[in-house]
Amino acid sequence: MDISYVWTREGWLYLAVILDLHSRRVIGWAVSNRMKRDLAIRALNMAIAFRTPPKGCIHHTDRGSQYCSHDYQKILRQHGFQVSMSGKGNCYDNAAVETFFKTIKAELIWRRSWETRRQAEMAIFEYINGFYNPRRRHSALGWKSPVAFERKVA
């Protein structure tokens, strides 16, 4: 789980993403004009609804205030997650999500300018659901897309 940002002519649009580390699939995401705990909570709730993870599933984040908030931690406890957080000042252990942000920025965001946050949100939706998850091939997955990889290992 991590949060990045996209510039639009209306101002910043914040993007929270949760990846399944096994398949690199985006399983939860949310956008907002503010980087508050509700942004992270909406992405977490989407991931939980999509995957219904078993108790003991590891949920990793950095030490951002959104993830340390009482409300976020309460949801993790209610669903039986094993909480994992980066060490202080450690910027390397969230590399998979950081790589996703680099990829979406290179393949989508830096190629266009956005008039509105809504336009950027729709483009992000189309990128994640229409390209990244079902079609974009990953070297870490044997050059399969996240969806194809999940089908193969199921």
Protein backbone atom coordinates (compact mmCIF):
# COMPACT_ATOMS: atom_id res chain seq x y z
CA MET A 1 0.00 0.00 0.00
CA ASP A 2 1.23 3.43 -0.85
CA ILE A 3 0.04 6.83 -2.08
CA SER A 4 1.29 8.93 -4.97
CA TYR A 5 -0.03 12.03 -6.71
CA VAL A 6 -1.03 13.32 -10.14
CA TRP A 7 -1.06 16.98 -11.20
CA THR A 8 -4.22 18.33 -12.85
CA ARG A 9 -5.19 21.90 -13.66
CA GLU A 10 -7.63 21.68 -10.72
CA GLY A 11 -4.76 20.72 -8.37
CA TRP A 12 -3.30 17.49 -7.04
CA LEU A 13 -5.11 14.16 -7.26
CA TYR A 14 -3.84 11.61 -4.75
CA LEU A 15 -3.83 7.93 -5.71
CA ALA A 16 -3.71 5.15 -3.11
CA VAL A 17 -2.93 1.65 -4.38
CA ILE A 18 -2.82 -1.82 -2.85
CA LEU A 19 -0.99 -4.52 -4.82
CA ASP A 20 -1.15 -8.27 -4.40
CA LEU A 21 2.57 -8.94 -4.18
CA HIS A 22 2.21 -12.48 -5.52
CA SER A 23 0.62 -11.46 -8.83
CA ARG A 24 1.41 -7.72 -8.94
CA ARG A 25 -2.31 -7.13 -9.48
CA VAL A 26 -3.85 -3.86 -8.28
CA ILE A 27 -6.56 -5.13 -5.95
CA GLY A 28 -7.53 -1.87 -4.28
CA TRP A 29 -7.24 1.77 -5.23
CA ALA A 30 -8.82 5.11 -4.51
CA VAL A 31 -8.34 8.76 -5.45
CA SER A 32 -8.99 12.02 -3.63
CA ASN A 33 -8.07 15.68 -3.68
CA ARG A 34 -6.76 15.23 -0.12
CA MET A 35 -4.20 12.81 1.27
CA LYS A 36 -6.11 11.76 4.38
CA ARG A 37 -6.80 8.44 6.07
CA ASP A 38 -10.15 8.00 4.25
CA LEU A 39 -8.24 7.71 0.96
CA ALA A 40 -6.21 4.79 2.32
CA ILE A 41 -9.28 3.27 3.97
CA ARG A 42 -11.27 3.31 0.71
CA ALA A 43 -8.42 1.52 -1.12
CA LEU A 44 -8.17 -1.01 1.73
CA ASN A 45 -11.92 -1.65 1.72
CA MET A 46 -11.84 -2.23 -2.04
CA ALA A 47 -9.00 -4.75 -1.66
CA ILE A 48 -10.81 -6.57 1.16
CA ALA A 49 -14.05 -6.74 -0.85
CA PHE A 50 -12.20 -7.96 -3.94
CA ARG A 51 -10.02 -10.62 -2.27
CA THR A 52 -11.67 -11.51 1.08
CA PRO A 53 -8.21 -12.26 2.47
CA PRO A 54 -7.74 -15.06 5.01
CA LYS A 55 -6.79 -14.28 8.59
CA GLY A 56 -3.04 -13.83 8.88
CA CYS A 57 -2.66 -12.27 5.43
CA ILE A 58 0.25 -9.81 5.51
CA HIS A 59 -0.57 -6.16 4.84
CA HIS A 60 2.51 -4.00 4.30
CA THR A 61 2.78 -0.20 4.30
CA ASP A 62 5.28 2.48 5.13
CA ARG A 63 4.83 4.47 8.34
CA GLY A 64 2.54 7.12 6.87
CA SER A 65 0.02 8.70 9.21
CA GLN A 66 -2.87 7.35 7.11
CA TYR A 67 -1.81 3.74 7.83
CA CYS A 68 -1.01 4.36 11.50
CA SER A 69 -4.41 5.94 12.12
CA HIS A 70 -6.73 4.26 14.61
CA ASP A 71 -9.45 3.74 11.97
CA TYR A 72 -7.09 2.07 9.46
CA GLN A 73 -5.52 -0.18 12.09
CA LYS A 74 -8.98 -1.12 13.40
CA ILE A 75 -10.01 -2.40 9.95
CA LEU A 76 -6.80 -4.42 9.70
CA ARG A 77 -7.45 -5.99 13.12
CA GLN A 78 -11.11 -6.72 12.30
CA HIS A 79 -10.04 -8.68 9.22
CA GLY A 80 -7.21 -10.52 10.94
CA PHE A 81 -4.33 -9.01 8.96
CA GLN A 82 -0.73 -9.48 9.99
CA VAL A 83 0.48 -5.85 10.02
CA SER A 84 3.87 -5.10 8.48
CA MET A 85 5.40 -1.62 8.35
CA SER A 86 8.65 -0.33 6.92
CA GLY A 87 11.51 0.38 9.26
CA LYS A 88 12.06 4.06 9.96
CA GLY A 89 13.80 5.65 6.98
CA ASN A 90 13.71 2.44 4.90
CA CYS A 91 12.61 3.35 1.39
CA TYR A 92 13.34 0.00 -0.30
CA ASP A 93 10.89 -2.50 1.15
CA ASN A 94 7.86 -0.98 -0.60
CA ALA A 95 9.54 -1.34 -3.99
CA ALA A 96 6.70 -3.23 -5.74
CA VAL A 97 4.19 -0.40 -5.21
CA GLU A 98 6.81 2.23 -6.02
CA THR A 99 7.50 0.37 -9.27
CA PHE A 100 3.78 0.44 -10.08
CA PHE A 101 3.73 4.21 -9.57
CA LYS A 102 6.77 4.66 -11.83
CA THR A 103 5.08 2.49 -14.47
CA ILE A 104 1.70 4.27 -14.44
CA LYS A 105 3.42 7.65 -14.52
CA ALA A 106 5.65 6.66 -17.47
CA GLU A 107 2.92 4.89 -19.43
CA LEU A 108 -0.04 7.16 -18.68
CA ILE A 109 0.37 10.21 -16.51
CA TRP A 110 3.46 11.90 -17.95
CA ARG A 111 2.11 11.46 -21.48
CA ARG A 112 -0.90 13.72 -20.94
CA SER A 113 -2.00 16.80 -19.11
CA TRP A 114 -5.21 16.66 -17.13
CA GLU A 115 -7.79 19.43 -17.06
CA THR A 116 -9.75 17.96 -14.18
CA ARG A 117 -9.26 15.44 -11.41
CA ARG A 118 -12.23 13.50 -12.81
CA GLN A 119 -10.49 13.12 -16.20
CA ALA A 120 -7.36 11.81 -14.49
CA GLU A 121 -9.45 9.45 -12.34
CA MET A 122 -11.22 7.99 -15.37
CA ALA A 123 -7.91 7.49 -17.20
CA ILE A 124 -6.42 5.78 -14.13
CA PHE A 125 -9.49 3.51 -13.89
CA GLU A 126 -9.15 2.54 -17.56
CA TYR A 127 -5.39 2.00 -17.20
CA ILE A 128 -5.68 -0.28 -14.15
CA ASN A 129 -8.74 -2.28 -15.24
CA GLY A 130 -8.29 -2.21 -19.01
CA PHE A 131 -4.53 -2.50 -19.37
CA TYR A 132 -2.36 -2.98 -16.27
CA ASN A 133 -4.20 -5.88 -14.62
CA PRO A 134 -5.43 -7.78 -17.70
CA ARG A 135 -2.79 -7.06 -20.37
CA ARG A 136 0.46 -5.53 -19.13
CA ARG A 137 3.18 -8.19 -19.02
CA HIS A 138 5.65 -8.37 -16.15
CA SER A 139 9.11 -9.89 -16.21
CA ALA A 140 8.62 -11.02 -12.59
CA LEU A 141 5.56 -13.04 -13.71
CA GLY A 142 7.23 -14.83 -16.61
CA TRP A 143 6.01 -12.16 -19.05
CA LYS A 144 2.37 -12.71 -18.13
CA SER A 145 -0.17 -10.11 -17.07
CA PRO A 146 -1.33 -10.19 -13.43
CA VAL A 147 -4.72 -11.64 -14.46
CA ALA A 148 -3.12 -14.32 -16.68
CA PHE A 149 -0.64 -15.18 -13.94
CA GLU A 150 -3.45 -15.63 -11.39
CA ARG A 151 -5.38 -17.86 -13.79
CA LYS A 152 -2.30 -20.01 -14.34
CA VAL A 153 -1.55 -20.54 -10.64
CA ALA A 154 -5.19 -21.03 -9.57
